[in-house]
């Protein structure tokens, strides 16, 4: 009975494996999940937008997915 979820993990995050396991557990429970695993990023990449174009673009992608979830309740954009 959980809503669709976006799970974001960063390659060099000490919590990476836990995030992957969480996304897998949600999926196994039948929850629609989009898992964005960001290669080459660290735990605090959300704060690195001013110095990393890739971090800024990824945060924008995450925000767009969040907006879609809040407005449509769906991950797939339809």
Protein backbone atom coordinates (compact mmCIF):
# COMPACT_ATOMS: atom_id res chain seq x y z
CA UNK A 1 0.00 0.00 0.00
CA UNK A 2 2.95 2.37 -0.35
CA UNK A 3 3.00 5.12 -2.98
CA UNK A 4 5.44 5.06 -5.91
CA UNK A 5 8.98 5.81 -4.80
CA UNK A 6 12.10 7.40 -6.17
CA UNK A 7 15.25 6.04 -4.55
CA UNK A 8 18.51 7.85 -5.30
CA UNK A 9 21.90 6.33 -4.53
CA UNK A 10 25.40 7.62 -5.19
CA UNK A 11 28.26 5.32 -6.16
CA UNK A 12 30.61 6.57 -3.44
CA UNK A 13 28.10 6.83 -0.61
CA UNK A 14 28.59 4.73 2.53
CA UNK A 15 24.83 4.10 2.42
CA UNK A 16 24.82 2.99 -1.23
CA UNK A 17 24.17 -0.69 -0.59
CA UNK A 18 21.38 0.06 1.86
CA UNK A 19 19.70 2.30 -0.72
CA UNK A 20 19.91 -0.41 -3.37
CA UNK A 21 18.50 -2.96 -0.91
CA UNK A 22 15.65 -0.58 -0.04
CA UNK A 23 14.72 -0.10 -3.71
CA UNK A 24 14.84 -3.87 -4.22
CA UNK A 25 12.66 -4.50 -1.16
CA UNK A 26 10.07 -1.96 -2.31
CA UNK A 27 10.01 -3.54 -5.77
CA UNK A 28 9.64 -7.02 -4.25
CA UNK A 29 6.66 -5.73 -2.26
CA UNK A 30 4.99 -4.54 -5.47
CA UNK A 31 5.72 -0.84 -5.03
CA UNK A 32 6.46 1.07 -8.23
CA UNK A 33 10.09 2.21 -7.86
CA UNK A 34 12.44 4.29 -9.92
CA UNK A 35 16.00 3.75 -8.70
CA UNK A 36 18.52 6.32 -9.86
CA UNK A 37 22.04 5.08 -9.10
CA UNK A 38 24.39 7.97 -9.84
CA UNK A 39 27.86 6.82 -10.90
CA UNK A 40 30.87 8.75 -9.68
CA UNK A 41 28.99 10.78 -7.06
CA UNK A 42 29.42 11.02 -3.30
CA UNK A 43 26.86 11.21 -0.49
CA UNK A 44 26.61 15.01 -0.55
CA UNK A 45 26.29 15.46 -4.31
CA UNK A 46 22.96 17.26 -3.85
CA UNK A 47 24.98 20.16 -2.42
CA UNK A 48 27.61 20.17 -5.18
CA UNK A 49 25.52 21.77 -7.93
CA UNK A 50 27.43 25.08 -7.79
CA UNK A 51 30.72 23.28 -8.56
CA UNK A 52 29.58 20.26 -10.58
CA UNK A 53 27.44 20.49 -13.70
CA UNK A 54 26.70 16.78 -13.46
CA UNK A 55 25.49 17.10 -9.87
CA UNK A 56 23.29 20.05 -10.83
CA UNK A 57 21.81 18.15 -13.79
CA UNK A 58 21.13 15.09 -11.64
CA UNK A 59 19.40 17.17 -8.97
CA UNK A 60 17.26 18.75 -11.71
CA UNK A 61 16.35 15.27 -12.96
CA UNK A 62 15.40 14.22 -9.42
CA UNK A 63 13.29 17.36 -8.97
CA UNK A 64 11.46 16.69 -12.24
CA UNK A 65 10.67 13.15 -11.13
CA UNK A 66 9.46 14.48 -7.76
CA UNK A 67 7.21 17.02 -9.47
CA UNK A 68 5.78 14.28 -11.71
CA UNK A 69 5.13 12.06 -8.69
CA UNK A 70 3.41 14.87 -6.81
CA UNK A 71 1.26 15.96 -9.72
CA UNK A 72 0.37 12.62 -11.31
CA UNK A 73 1.19 10.03 -8.66
CA UNK A 74 3.11 8.12 -11.34
CA UNK A 75 6.74 7.49 -12.15
CA UNK A 76 6.35 6.84 -15.86
CA UNK A 77 5.17 10.28 -16.89
CA UNK A 78 1.81 9.14 -18.22
